């Protein structure tokens, strides 16, 4: 797996986060089991470029200005309206110590039934695993061409994820993807008798109002 690099600067706890963001930087923190917590900030464009490659399962060599640490992106916060990154948590790892993270699914191939108009449902986008840093991978492949029948599905057990390397949080029977029939909206039946009764009631009400006005 490619090790990515990212440069950070130390920041003062008294600095206003809004001012940091206005300067095109992202407030961040780095911490770990054997690492002292540090308040840092990263260039927005640098982090965006790195995160597009790293997600949560690639090791990043983070230069904090004090030291270089191997980290994972542990958590990101985004602005609810713009979707811009507003804070990042980095987790410093120890290469011989197991860690918990999410590994994304890479959907490959194509089901013939999806081509013919049936619904392909990708029910899981990633999976939580516990493993050693050396066993981290960018993704697990999910081959959609194995969905050969209507109603067929791919379960976690079908992915053959090595149990000696990866401890999974999900159940092996959890469904990753499946083929479903198109949803057909049933036409609402018109109750003509009910409409006739309603019209009769309205007519009777109108006659009653006329009598009252006299």
N, C-alpha and C. Protein backbone atom coordinates (compact mmCIF):
# COMPACT_ATOMS: atom_id res chain seq x y z
N UNK A 1 0.84 -1.20 0.00
CA UNK A 1 0.00 0.00 0.00
C UNK A 1 0.87 1.25 0.00
N UNK A 2 0.49 2.22 -0.80
CA UNK A 2 1.21 3.48 -0.86
C UNK A 2 1.05 4.25 0.45
N UNK A 3 2.19 4.77 0.96
CA UNK A 3 2.14 5.63 2.14
C UNK A 3 2.10 7.07 1.67
N UNK A 4 1.07 7.80 2.06
CA UNK A 4 0.89 9.18 1.65
C UNK A 4 1.53 10.12 2.66
N UNK A 5 1.82 11.33 2.22
CA UNK A 5 2.45 12.32 3.10
C UNK A 5 1.58 13.56 3.21
N UNK A 6 1.62 14.18 4.39
CA UNK A 6 0.85 15.40 4.62
C UNK A 6 1.59 16.27 5.62
N UNK A 7 1.67 17.56 5.32
CA UNK A 7 2.36 18.52 6.19
C UNK A 7 1.34 19.26 7.02
N UNK A 8 1.63 19.44 8.30
CA UNK A 8 0.75 20.17 9.21
C UNK A 8 1.55 21.21 9.97
N UNK A 9 0.86 22.16 10.56
CA UNK A 9 1.48 23.17 11.42
C UNK A 9 0.85 23.09 12.80
N UNK A 10 1.63 23.41 13.80
CA UNK A 10 1.09 23.49 15.15
C UNK A 10 0.15 24.69 15.24
N UNK A 11 -0.85 24.60 16.10
CA UNK A 11 -1.74 25.73 16.33
C UNK A 11 -1.95 25.94 17.82
N UNK A 12 -2.25 27.16 18.16
CA UNK A 12 -2.48 27.54 19.56
C UNK A 12 -3.94 27.31 19.91
N UNK A 13 -4.19 26.80 21.10
CA UNK A 13 -5.57 26.53 21.52
C UNK A 13 -6.41 27.79 21.61
N UNK A 14 -5.76 28.95 21.68
CA UNK A 14 -6.50 30.21 21.78
C UNK A 14 -6.88 30.77 20.40
N UNK A 15 -6.34 30.18 19.35
CA UNK A 15 -6.67 30.66 18.00
C UNK A 15 -8.14 30.37 17.70
N UNK A 16 -8.79 31.32 17.06
CA UNK A 16 -10.19 31.13 16.70
C UNK A 16 -10.28 30.20 15.49
N UNK A 17 -11.12 29.19 15.62
CA UNK A 17 -11.25 28.22 14.54
C UNK A 17 -11.77 28.87 13.27
N UNK A 18 -12.64 29.87 13.42
CA UNK A 18 -13.20 30.55 12.24
C UNK A 18 -12.11 31.25 11.45
N UNK A 19 -11.12 31.81 12.15
CA UNK A 19 -10.03 32.50 11.45
C UNK A 19 -9.13 31.50 10.72
N UNK A 20 -8.93 30.33 11.34
CA UNK A 20 -8.13 29.29 10.69
C UNK A 20 -8.80 28.87 9.40
N UNK A 21 -10.12 28.66 9.45
CA UNK A 21 -10.85 28.22 8.26
C UNK A 21 -10.86 29.29 7.18
N UNK A 22 -10.92 30.56 7.59
CA UNK A 22 -10.91 31.65 6.62
C UNK A 22 -9.58 31.74 5.88
N UNK A 23 -8.53 31.22 6.50
CA UNK A 23 -7.21 31.24 5.87
C UNK A 23 -6.97 29.98 5.03
N UNK A 24 -8.06 29.26 4.69
CA UNK A 24 -8.00 28.08 3.83
C UNK A 24 -7.24 26.93 4.49
N UNK A 25 -7.39 26.83 5.81
CA UNK A 25 -6.80 25.72 6.55
C UNK A 25 -7.88 25.02 7.36
N UNK A 26 -7.57 23.81 7.79
CA UNK A 26 -8.54 23.02 8.55
C UNK A 26 -7.97 22.77 9.95
N UNK A 27 -8.69 23.16 11.01
CA UNK A 27 -8.25 22.81 12.36
C UNK A 27 -8.27 21.28 12.51
N UNK A 28 -7.29 20.75 13.21
CA UNK A 28 -7.20 19.30 13.37
C UNK A 28 -6.54 18.95 14.69
N UNK A 29 -6.63 17.69 15.03
CA UNK A 29 -5.95 17.17 16.22
C UNK A 29 -5.40 15.81 15.88
N UNK A 30 -4.26 15.47 16.45
CA UNK A 30 -3.68 14.14 16.27
C UNK A 30 -3.45 13.55 17.65
N UNK A 31 -3.83 12.29 17.82
CA UNK A 31 -3.67 11.62 19.11
C UNK A 31 -3.54 10.13 18.86
N UNK A 32 -3.17 9.42 19.88
CA UNK A 32 -3.03 7.97 19.77
C UNK A 32 -2.73 7.37 21.12
N UNK A 33 -2.74 6.05 21.16
CA UNK A 33 -2.54 5.34 22.41
C UNK A 33 -1.19 5.64 23.02
N UNK A 34 -0.19 5.79 22.17
CA UNK A 34 1.17 6.04 22.66
C UNK A 34 1.70 7.39 22.20
N UNK A 35 0.77 8.31 21.88
CA UNK A 35 1.15 9.61 21.34
C UNK A 35 0.45 10.72 22.09
N UNK A 36 1.19 11.73 22.43
CA UNK A 36 0.60 12.90 23.09
C UNK A 36 -0.25 13.67 22.10
N UNK A 37 -1.40 14.13 22.53
CA UNK A 37 -2.29 14.87 21.65
C UNK A 37 -1.67 16.20 21.23
N UNK A 38 -1.87 16.54 19.97
CA UNK A 38 -1.34 17.80 19.44
C UNK A 38 -2.43 18.52 18.66
N UNK A 39 -2.52 19.82 18.86
CA UNK A 39 -3.41 20.66 18.07
C UNK A 39 -2.66 21.12 16.84
N UNK A 40 -3.21 20.83 15.67
CA UNK A 40 -2.54 21.17 14.42
C UNK A 40 -3.53 21.77 13.44
N UNK A 41 -3.01 22.21 12.30
CA UNK A 41 -3.84 22.68 11.21
C UNK A 41 -3.20 22.25 9.90
N UNK A 42 -4.02 21.95 8.91
CA UNK A 42 -3.52 21.49 7.61
C UNK A 42 -4.11 22.36 6.51
N UNK A 43 -3.34 22.51 5.44
CA UNK A 43 -3.84 23.24 4.28
C UNK A 43 -5.04 22.50 3.69
N UNK A 44 -6.11 23.23 3.40
CA UNK A 44 -7.34 22.60 2.91
C UNK A 44 -7.08 21.80 1.64
N UNK A 45 -6.41 22.40 0.68
CA UNK A 45 -6.20 21.73 -0.61
C UNK A 45 -5.31 20.50 -0.45
N UNK A 46 -4.30 20.58 0.43
CA UNK A 46 -3.41 19.43 0.66
C UNK A 46 -4.19 18.27 1.28
N UNK A 47 -5.03 18.59 2.26
CA UNK A 47 -5.79 17.52 2.91
C UNK A 47 -6.79 16.90 1.93
N UNK A 48 -7.46 17.72 1.16
CA UNK A 48 -8.45 17.21 0.22
C UNK A 48 -7.80 16.24 -0.78
N UNK A 49 -6.65 16.62 -1.29
CA UNK A 49 -5.94 15.78 -2.26
C UNK A 49 -5.52 14.45 -1.61
N UNK A 50 -5.06 14.52 -0.37
CA UNK A 50 -4.63 13.31 0.34
C UNK A 50 -5.81 12.44 0.71
N UNK A 51 -6.89 13.04 1.19
CA UNK A 51 -8.05 12.27 1.66
C UNK A 51 -8.72 11.53 0.50
N UNK A 52 -8.70 12.10 -0.67
CA UNK A 52 -9.30 11.43 -1.83
C UNK A 52 -8.59 10.11 -2.13
N UNK A 53 -7.32 10.02 -1.73
CA UNK A 53 -6.57 8.79 -1.93
C UNK A 53 -6.61 7.89 -0.69
N UNK A 54 -6.63 8.51 0.47
CA UNK A 54 -6.44 7.75 1.72
C UNK A 54 -7.72 7.17 2.29
N UNK A 55 -8.82 7.97 2.28
CA UNK A 55 -10.02 7.61 3.02
C UNK A 55 -9.63 7.28 4.46
N UNK A 56 -10.12 6.15 4.99
CA UNK A 56 -9.84 5.83 6.38
C UNK A 56 -8.93 4.62 6.54
N UNK A 57 -8.46 4.06 5.43
CA UNK A 57 -7.71 2.82 5.53
C UNK A 57 -6.30 2.89 4.96
N UNK A 58 -5.82 4.09 4.63
CA UNK A 58 -4.44 4.25 4.15
C UNK A 58 -3.63 5.01 5.18
N UNK A 59 -2.40 4.56 5.35
CA UNK A 59 -1.52 5.21 6.32
C UNK A 59 -0.97 6.50 5.72
N UNK A 60 -1.01 7.56 6.51
CA UNK A 60 -0.48 8.86 6.10
C UNK A 60 0.71 9.19 6.99
N UNK A 61 1.81 9.59 6.36
CA UNK A 61 2.96 10.09 7.11
C UNK A 61 2.73 11.57 7.37
N UNK A 62 2.39 11.88 8.62
CA UNK A 62 2.00 13.25 8.99
C UNK A 62 3.17 13.96 9.67
N UNK A 63 3.62 15.05 9.06
CA UNK A 63 4.67 15.89 9.64
C UNK A 63 3.97 17.00 10.42
N UNK A 64 4.01 16.92 11.75
CA UNK A 64 3.29 17.87 12.59
C UNK A 64 4.07 19.14 12.88
N UNK A 65 5.32 19.19 12.40
CA UNK A 65 6.17 20.32 12.76
C UNK A 65 7.05 19.99 13.95
N UNK A 66 6.60 19.02 14.75
CA UNK A 66 7.40 18.53 15.89
C UNK A 66 8.02 17.17 15.58
N UNK A 67 7.25 16.35 14.88
CA UNK A 67 7.66 14.98 14.59
C UNK A 67 6.86 14.44 13.42
N UNK A 68 7.33 13.31 12.90
CA UNK A 68 6.59 12.62 11.85
C UNK A 68 5.90 11.40 12.45
N UNK A 69 4.60 11.27 12.16
CA UNK A 69 3.80 10.20 12.73
C UNK A 69 3.07 9.45 11.62
N UNK A 70 2.93 8.15 11.80
CA UNK A 70 2.06 7.37 10.92
C UNK A 70 0.64 7.47 11.47
N UNK A 71 -0.28 7.97 10.66
CA UNK A 71 -1.64 8.22 11.15
C UNK A 71 -2.67 7.69 10.15
N UNK A 72 -3.89 7.55 10.66
CA UNK A 72 -5.07 7.32 9.84
C UNK A 72 -6.02 8.48 10.04
N UNK A 73 -6.82 8.78 9.03
CA UNK A 73 -7.90 9.74 9.21
C UNK A 73 -8.97 9.04 10.04
N UNK A 74 -9.16 9.50 11.27
CA UNK A 74 -10.08 8.82 12.18
C UNK A 74 -11.50 9.38 12.08
N UNK A 75 -11.59 10.68 11.90
CA UNK A 75 -12.92 11.30 11.83
C UNK A 75 -12.81 12.63 11.11
N UNK A 76 -13.82 12.95 10.30
CA UNK A 76 -13.89 14.26 9.66
C UNK A 76 -15.23 14.89 9.96
N UNK A 77 -15.24 16.19 10.12
CA UNK A 77 -16.48 16.94 10.29
C UNK A 77 -16.64 17.86 9.09
N UNK A 78 -17.87 17.95 8.59
CA UNK A 78 -18.15 18.79 7.44
C UNK A 78 -19.24 19.80 7.77
N UNK A 79 -19.18 20.95 7.10
CA UNK A 79 -20.23 21.96 7.24
C UNK A 79 -21.52 21.39 6.65
N UNK A 80 -22.64 21.51 7.35
CA UNK A 80 -23.88 20.89 6.89
C UNK A 80 -24.40 21.42 5.56
N UNK A 81 -24.13 22.69 5.24
CA UNK A 81 -24.67 23.28 4.01
C UNK A 81 -23.70 23.11 2.84
N UNK A 82 -22.43 23.49 3.03
CA UNK A 82 -21.47 23.47 1.92
C UNK A 82 -20.78 22.13 1.76
N UNK A 83 -20.71 21.34 2.84
CA UNK A 83 -20.00 20.07 2.77
C UNK A 83 -18.50 20.23 2.89
N UNK A 84 -18.02 21.44 3.20
CA UNK A 84 -16.59 21.68 3.36
C UNK A 84 -16.09 21.02 4.65
N UNK A 85 -14.83 20.57 4.62
CA UNK A 85 -14.22 20.03 5.84
C UNK A 85 -14.01 21.16 6.84
N UNK A 86 -14.40 20.94 8.09
CA UNK A 86 -14.21 21.97 9.11
C UNK A 86 -13.37 21.47 10.29
N UNK A 87 -13.13 20.14 10.38
CA UNK A 87 -12.26 19.61 11.43
C UNK A 87 -11.89 18.18 11.09
N UNK A 88 -10.66 17.81 11.48
CA UNK A 88 -10.17 16.45 11.20
C UNK A 88 -9.50 15.88 12.45
N UNK A 89 -9.80 14.62 12.72
CA UNK A 89 -9.09 13.88 13.77
C UNK A 89 -8.16 12.87 13.09
N UNK A 90 -6.89 12.92 13.46
CA UNK A 90 -5.93 11.92 13.00
C UNK A 90 -5.58 11.00 14.16
N UNK A 91 -5.49 9.70 13.87
CA UNK A 91 -5.12 8.73 14.92
C UNK A 91 -3.74 8.18 14.62
N UNK A 92 -2.81 8.40 15.55
CA UNK A 92 -1.44 7.92 15.39
C UNK A 92 -1.39 6.43 15.71
N UNK A 93 -0.84 5.66 14.79
CA UNK A 93 -0.83 4.21 14.94
C UNK A 93 0.55 3.71 15.35
N UNK A 94 0.56 2.50 15.90
CA UNK A 94 1.79 1.77 16.17
C UNK A 94 1.78 0.54 15.27
N UNK A 95 2.80 0.35 14.50
CA UNK A 95 2.77 -0.63 13.41
C UNK A 95 2.60 -2.06 13.88
N UNK A 96 2.94 -2.35 15.12
CA UNK A 96 2.79 -3.73 15.60
C UNK A 96 1.54 -3.91 16.47
N UNK A 97 0.70 -2.90 16.50
CA UNK A 97 -0.51 -2.96 17.33
C UNK A 97 -1.76 -2.90 16.45
N UNK A 98 -2.70 -3.81 16.70
CA UNK A 98 -3.92 -3.87 15.89
C UNK A 98 -4.75 -2.59 16.07
N UNK A 99 -5.44 -2.22 15.00
CA UNK A 99 -6.28 -1.02 15.03
C UNK A 99 -7.63 -1.35 14.39
N UNK A 100 -8.60 -0.49 14.65
CA UNK A 100 -9.94 -0.65 14.07
C UNK A 100 -10.21 0.49 13.11
N UNK A 101 -10.65 0.15 11.91
CA UNK A 101 -10.94 1.16 10.90
C UNK A 101 -11.96 0.61 9.91
N UNK A 102 -12.31 1.43 8.93
CA UNK A 102 -13.25 1.02 7.88
C UNK A 102 -12.50 0.87 6.55
N UNK A 103 -12.77 -0.21 5.84
CA UNK A 103 -12.20 -0.43 4.52
C UNK A 103 -13.34 -0.41 3.50
N UNK A 104 -13.17 0.40 2.47
CA UNK A 104 -14.23 0.61 1.48
C UNK A 104 -14.37 -0.59 0.55
N UNK A 105 -15.57 -0.75 0.01
CA UNK A 105 -15.83 -1.76 -1.01
C UNK A 105 -15.64 -1.12 -2.39
N UNK A 106 -14.99 -1.85 -3.28
CA UNK A 106 -14.83 -1.43 -4.67
C UNK A 106 -15.68 -2.36 -5.53
N UNK A 107 -16.79 -1.83 -6.03
CA UNK A 107 -17.73 -2.64 -6.80
C UNK A 107 -17.23 -2.76 -8.24
N UNK A 108 -17.00 -4.00 -8.68
CA UNK A 108 -16.50 -4.25 -10.01
C UNK A 108 -17.46 -5.19 -10.75
N UNK A 109 -17.30 -5.28 -12.06
CA UNK A 109 -18.17 -6.17 -12.83
C UNK A 109 -19.57 -5.60 -12.95
N UNK A 110 -20.42 -6.33 -13.65
CA UNK A 110 -21.80 -5.88 -13.87
C UNK A 110 -22.72 -7.09 -13.94
N UNK A 111 -23.83 -6.99 -13.29
CA UNK A 111 -24.82 -8.06 -13.33
C UNK A 111 -25.67 -7.93 -14.59
N UNK A 112 -25.92 -9.05 -15.27
CA UNK A 112 -26.76 -9.01 -16.47
C UNK A 112 -28.17 -8.55 -16.14
N UNK A 113 -28.63 -8.85 -14.94
CA UNK A 113 -29.99 -8.46 -14.56
C UNK A 113 -30.10 -6.95 -14.36
N UNK A 114 -29.03 -6.31 -13.89
CA UNK A 114 -29.03 -4.86 -13.76
C UNK A 114 -29.11 -4.21 -15.14
N UNK A 115 -28.44 -4.82 -16.12
CA UNK A 115 -28.50 -4.29 -17.48
C UNK A 115 -29.90 -4.40 -18.07
N UNK A 116 -30.67 -5.37 -17.58
CA UNK A 116 -32.00 -5.60 -18.12
C UNK A 116 -33.09 -4.87 -17.33
N UNK A 117 -32.67 -3.97 -16.45
CA UNK A 117 -33.65 -3.12 -15.78
C UNK A 117 -34.01 -3.50 -14.36
N UNK A 118 -33.44 -4.60 -13.85
CA UNK A 118 -33.70 -4.97 -12.47
C UNK A 118 -32.88 -4.06 -11.54
N UNK A 119 -33.29 -4.00 -10.28
CA UNK A 119 -32.68 -3.06 -9.35
C UNK A 119 -31.45 -3.67 -8.68
N UNK A 120 -30.30 -2.99 -8.83
CA UNK A 120 -29.08 -3.38 -8.12
C UNK A 120 -28.98 -2.54 -6.86
N UNK A 121 -28.99 -3.19 -5.72
CA UNK A 121 -28.91 -2.48 -4.44
C UNK A 121 -27.55 -2.74 -3.80
N UNK A 122 -26.77 -1.68 -3.63
CA UNK A 122 -25.49 -1.75 -2.92
C UNK A 122 -25.76 -1.32 -1.48
N UNK A 123 -25.92 -2.29 -0.61
CA UNK A 123 -26.40 -2.03 0.74
C UNK A 123 -25.30 -1.66 1.72
N UNK A 124 -24.06 -1.97 1.39
CA UNK A 124 -22.94 -1.61 2.25
C UNK A 124 -21.86 -0.94 1.40
N UNK A 125 -21.30 0.15 1.90
CA UNK A 125 -20.24 0.86 1.19
C UNK A 125 -18.86 0.53 1.74
N UNK A 126 -18.81 0.07 2.98
CA UNK A 126 -17.53 -0.27 3.59
C UNK A 126 -17.78 -1.27 4.72
N UNK A 127 -16.71 -1.70 5.35
CA UNK A 127 -16.84 -2.66 6.44
C UNK A 127 -15.81 -2.33 7.52
N UNK A 128 -16.21 -2.47 8.76
CA UNK A 128 -15.31 -2.19 9.87
C UNK A 128 -14.48 -3.43 10.17
N UNK A 129 -13.15 -3.24 10.27
CA UNK A 129 -12.25 -4.35 10.55
C UNK A 129 -11.27 -3.97 11.64
N UNK A 130 -10.74 -5.00 12.27
CA UNK A 130 -9.63 -4.82 13.21
C UNK A 130 -8.47 -5.63 12.66
N UNK A 131 -7.33 -4.96 12.46
CA UNK A 131 -6.20 -5.64 11.86
C UNK A 131 -4.91 -4.91 12.21
N UNK A 132 -3.79 -5.51 11.86
CA UNK A 132 -2.49 -4.86 12.00
C UNK A 132 -2.30 -3.86 10.87
N UNK A 133 -1.61 -2.76 11.12
CA UNK A 133 -1.40 -1.76 10.07
C UNK A 133 -0.80 -2.35 8.78
N UNK A 134 0.07 -3.35 8.90
CA UNK A 134 0.68 -3.92 7.70
C UNK A 134 -0.33 -4.64 6.81
N UNK A 135 -1.51 -4.98 7.37
CA UNK A 135 -2.53 -5.69 6.60
C UNK A 135 -3.60 -4.76 6.02
N UNK A 136 -3.44 -3.47 6.23
CA UNK A 136 -4.40 -2.53 5.68
C UNK A 136 -4.36 -2.55 4.15
N UNK A 137 -5.51 -2.45 3.53
CA UNK A 137 -5.63 -2.36 2.08
C UNK A 137 -6.53 -1.19 1.73
N UNK A 138 -6.42 -0.73 0.50
CA UNK A 138 -7.24 0.41 0.06
C UNK A 138 -8.72 0.05 0.02
N UNK A 139 -9.01 -1.21 -0.36
CA UNK A 139 -10.41 -1.60 -0.54
C UNK A 139 -10.50 -3.12 -0.63
N UNK A 140 -11.73 -3.61 -0.53
CA UNK A 140 -12.06 -5.00 -0.86
C UNK A 140 -12.91 -4.97 -2.12
N UNK A 141 -12.59 -5.82 -3.09
CA UNK A 141 -13.38 -5.89 -4.32
C UNK A 141 -14.67 -6.68 -4.09
N UNK A 142 -15.74 -6.20 -4.71
CA UNK A 142 -17.03 -6.90 -4.71
C UNK A 142 -17.43 -7.10 -6.17
N UNK A 143 -17.46 -8.35 -6.64
CA UNK A 143 -17.73 -8.65 -8.04
C UNK A 143 -19.23 -8.80 -8.28
N UNK A 144 -19.83 -7.80 -8.90
CA UNK A 144 -21.28 -7.80 -9.12
C UNK A 144 -21.71 -8.80 -10.20
N UNK A 145 -20.77 -9.26 -11.01
CA UNK A 145 -21.13 -10.22 -12.07
C UNK A 145 -21.56 -11.56 -11.48
N UNK A 146 -21.31 -11.79 -10.20
CA UNK A 146 -21.73 -13.05 -9.56
C UNK A 146 -23.22 -13.06 -9.24
N UNK A 147 -23.87 -11.92 -9.40
CA UNK A 147 -25.33 -11.85 -9.19
C UNK A 147 -26.01 -12.37 -10.45
N UNK A 148 -26.16 -13.67 -10.55
CA UNK A 148 -26.60 -14.32 -11.78
C UNK A 148 -28.08 -14.63 -11.83
N UNK A 149 -28.79 -14.47 -10.71
CA UNK A 149 -30.21 -14.78 -10.70
C UNK A 149 -30.98 -13.65 -10.02
N UNK A 150 -32.24 -13.53 -10.37
CA UNK A 150 -33.11 -12.56 -9.71
C UNK A 150 -33.24 -12.95 -8.24
N UNK A 151 -32.99 -12.01 -7.36
CA UNK A 151 -33.06 -12.29 -5.94
C UNK A 151 -31.74 -12.74 -5.35
N UNK A 152 -30.71 -12.95 -6.19
CA UNK A 152 -29.42 -13.37 -5.67
C UNK A 152 -28.75 -12.21 -4.93
N UNK A 153 -27.84 -12.55 -4.03
CA UNK A 153 -27.20 -11.53 -3.20
C UNK A 153 -25.76 -11.91 -2.90
N UNK A 154 -24.99 -10.90 -2.55
CA UNK A 154 -23.61 -11.09 -2.10
C UNK A 154 -23.56 -10.76 -0.62
N UNK A 155 -23.14 -11.74 0.17
CA UNK A 155 -23.02 -11.54 1.61
C UNK A 155 -21.57 -11.32 1.99
N UNK A 156 -21.35 -10.85 3.21
CA UNK A 156 -19.99 -10.64 3.69
C UNK A 156 -19.19 -11.93 3.58
N UNK A 157 -19.81 -13.06 3.87
CA UNK A 157 -19.12 -14.35 3.81
C UNK A 157 -18.62 -14.66 2.40
N UNK A 158 -19.28 -14.12 1.37
CA UNK A 158 -18.91 -14.41 -0.01
C UNK A 158 -17.65 -13.66 -0.45
N UNK A 159 -17.19 -12.71 0.34
CA UNK A 159 -16.04 -11.89 -0.05
C UNK A 159 -14.71 -12.56 0.27
N UNK A 160 -14.75 -13.62 1.04
CA UNK A 160 -13.53 -14.35 1.40
C UNK A 160 -12.46 -13.44 2.01
N UNK A 161 -12.88 -12.62 2.97
CA UNK A 161 -11.94 -11.77 3.69
C UNK A 161 -11.19 -12.64 4.70
N UNK A 162 -9.89 -12.63 4.64
CA UNK A 162 -9.04 -13.52 5.44
C UNK A 162 -9.29 -13.33 6.94
N UNK A 163 -9.88 -14.33 7.61
CA UNK A 163 -10.18 -14.18 9.04
C UNK A 163 -8.94 -14.16 9.93
N UNK A 164 -7.81 -14.61 9.38
CA UNK A 164 -6.57 -14.59 10.17
C UNK A 164 -5.96 -13.20 10.20
N UNK A 165 -6.34 -12.36 9.24
CA UNK A 165 -5.82 -10.99 9.19
C UNK A 165 -6.83 -9.97 9.69
N UNK A 166 -8.12 -10.24 9.41
CA UNK A 166 -9.14 -9.23 9.68
C UNK A 166 -10.22 -9.76 10.62
N UNK A 167 -10.41 -9.06 11.70
CA UNK A 167 -11.53 -9.35 12.60
C UNK A 167 -12.68 -8.42 12.21
N UNK A 168 -13.79 -8.99 11.80
CA UNK A 168 -14.91 -8.21 11.27
C UNK A 168 -15.92 -7.87 12.34
N UNK A 169 -16.45 -6.66 12.27
CA UNK A 169 -17.53 -6.26 13.18
C UNK A 169 -18.88 -6.74 12.67
N UNK A 170 -19.00 -6.85 11.35
CA UNK A 170 -20.26 -7.28 10.75
C UNK A 170 -20.45 -8.79 10.82
N UNK A 171 -21.71 -9.21 10.77
CA UNK A 171 -22.03 -10.62 10.69
C UNK A 171 -21.75 -11.12 9.27
N UNK A 172 -21.32 -12.37 9.15
CA UNK A 172 -21.02 -12.93 7.83
C UNK A 172 -22.25 -13.02 6.94
N UNK A 173 -23.45 -13.01 7.54
CA UNK A 173 -24.69 -13.09 6.76
C UNK A 173 -25.20 -11.72 6.32
N UNK A 174 -24.54 -10.64 6.72
CA UNK A 174 -24.96 -9.31 6.28
C UNK A 174 -24.84 -9.20 4.77
N UNK A 175 -25.83 -8.57 4.14
CA UNK A 175 -25.89 -8.47 2.69
C UNK A 175 -25.18 -7.21 2.21
N UNK A 176 -24.25 -7.40 1.28
CA UNK A 176 -23.49 -6.28 0.71
C UNK A 176 -24.21 -5.71 -0.51
N UNK A 177 -24.70 -6.59 -1.38
CA UNK A 177 -25.41 -6.15 -2.59
C UNK A 177 -26.38 -7.24 -3.01
N UNK A 178 -27.45 -6.83 -3.72
CA UNK A 178 -28.42 -7.82 -4.20
C UNK A 178 -29.18 -7.27 -5.39
N UNK A 179 -29.84 -8.19 -6.10
CA UNK A 179 -30.68 -7.84 -7.24
C UNK A 179 -32.14 -7.97 -6.82
N UNK A 180 -32.91 -6.91 -7.03
CA UNK A 180 -34.33 -6.91 -6.66
C UNK A 180 -35.19 -6.56 -7.86
N UNK A 181 -36.44 -6.98 -7.81
CA UNK A 181 -37.38 -6.67 -8.87
C UNK A 181 -37.74 -5.18 -8.84
N UNK A 182 -37.98 -4.57 -10.00
CA UNK A 182 -38.41 -3.17 -10.03
C UNK A 182 -39.69 -2.99 -9.23
N UNK A 183 -39.77 -1.88 -8.53
CA UNK A 183 -40.98 -1.61 -7.75
C UNK A 183 -42.07 -1.07 -8.66
N UNK A 184 -43.20 -1.74 -8.66
CA UNK A 184 -44.34 -1.32 -9.49
C UNK A 184 -45.39 -0.71 -8.58
N UNK A 185 -45.71 0.54 -8.85
CA UNK A 185 -46.72 1.22 -8.04
C UNK A 185 -48.11 0.73 -8.47
N UNK A 186 -48.85 0.25 -7.51
CA UNK A 186 -50.21 -0.22 -7.80
C UNK A 186 -51.13 0.97 -8.04
N UNK A 187 -51.94 0.85 -9.11
CA UNK A 187 -52.90 1.91 -9.39
C UNK A 187 -54.01 1.89 -8.35
N UNK A 188 -54.27 3.06 -7.85
CA UNK A 188 -55.31 3.16 -6.82
C UNK A 188 -56.69 2.94 -7.46
N UNK A 189 -57.43 1.97 -6.91
CA UNK A 189 -58.76 1.69 -7.44
C UNK A 189 -59.73 2.80 -7.04
N UNK A 190 -60.54 3.22 -8.03
CA UNK A 190 -61.51 4.28 -7.78
C UNK A 190 -62.81 3.65 -7.32
N UNK A 191 -63.26 4.06 -6.17
CA UNK A 191 -64.52 3.54 -5.61
C UNK A 191 -65.66 4.43 -6.12
N UNK A 192 -66.33 3.99 -7.22
CA UNK A 192 -67.40 4.80 -7.84
C UNK A 192 -68.59 4.94 -6.91
N UNK A 193 -68.89 3.89 -6.14
CA UNK A 193 -70.02 3.96 -5.21
C UNK A 193 -69.78 5.05 -4.17
N UNK A 194 -68.54 5.14 -3.67
CA UNK A 194 -68.23 6.15 -2.65
C UNK A 194 -68.36 7.55 -3.22
N UNK A 195 -67.93 7.71 -4.50
CA UNK A 195 -68.03 9.02 -5.14
C UNK A 195 -69.50 9.41 -5.31
N UNK A 196 -70.32 8.45 -5.71
CA UNK A 196 -71.75 8.72 -5.90
C UNK A 196 -72.39 9.15 -4.59
N UNK A 197 -72.03 8.48 -3.51
CA UNK A 197 -72.58 8.83 -2.19
C UNK A 197 -72.16 10.23 -1.80
N UNK A 198 -70.89 10.57 -2.08
CA UNK A 198 -70.37 11.90 -1.74
C UNK A 198 -71.12 12.98 -2.50
N UNK A 199 -71.32 12.74 -3.82
CA UNK A 199 -72.06 13.72 -4.61
C UNK A 199 -73.49 13.87 -4.09
N UNK A 200 -74.09 12.79 -3.72
CA UNK A 200 -75.46 12.84 -3.20
C UNK A 200 -75.51 13.65 -1.91
N UNK A 201 -74.53 13.44 -1.04
CA UNK A 201 -74.47 14.18 0.23
C UNK A 201 -74.29 15.66 -0.02
N UNK A 202 -73.41 15.99 -1.00
CA UNK A 202 -73.16 17.40 -1.29
C UNK A 202 -74.41 18.05 -1.85
N UNK A 203 -75.11 17.34 -2.72
CA UNK A 203 -76.34 17.88 -3.31
C UNK A 203 -77.39 18.11 -2.23
N UNK A 204 -77.51 17.14 -1.34
CA UNK A 204 -78.49 17.27 -0.26
C UNK A 204 -78.13 18.44 0.64
N UNK A 205 -76.80 18.64 0.89
CA UNK A 205 -76.37 19.76 1.73
C UNK A 205 -76.67 21.09 1.08
N UNK A 206 -76.50 21.16 -0.24
CA UNK A 206 -76.77 22.40 -0.95
C UNK A 206 -78.25 22.74 -0.88
N UNK A 207 -79.14 21.74 -1.03
CA UNK A 207 -80.58 21.96 -0.94
C UNK A 207 -80.96 22.44 0.45
N UNK A 208 -80.31 21.87 1.48
CA UNK A 208 -80.61 22.25 2.87
C UNK A 208 -80.23 23.70 3.11
N UNK A 209 -79.06 24.13 2.53
CA UNK A 209 -78.63 25.51 2.72
C UNK A 209 -79.62 26.47 2.05
N UNK A 210 -80.15 26.09 0.90
CA UNK A 210 -81.11 26.95 0.21
C UNK A 210 -82.38 27.10 1.07
N UNK A 211 -82.82 26.01 1.66
CA UNK A 211 -84.02 26.05 2.50
C UNK A 211 -83.79 26.96 3.69
N UNK A 212 -82.56 26.92 4.26
CA UNK A 212 -82.25 27.73 5.43
C UNK A 212 -82.26 29.23 5.08
N UNK A 213 -81.84 29.53 3.81
CA UNK A 213 -81.75 30.94 3.41
C UNK A 213 -83.14 31.56 3.20
N UNK A 214 -84.14 30.71 2.96
CA UNK A 214 -85.49 31.22 2.70
C UNK A 214 -86.12 31.78 3.99
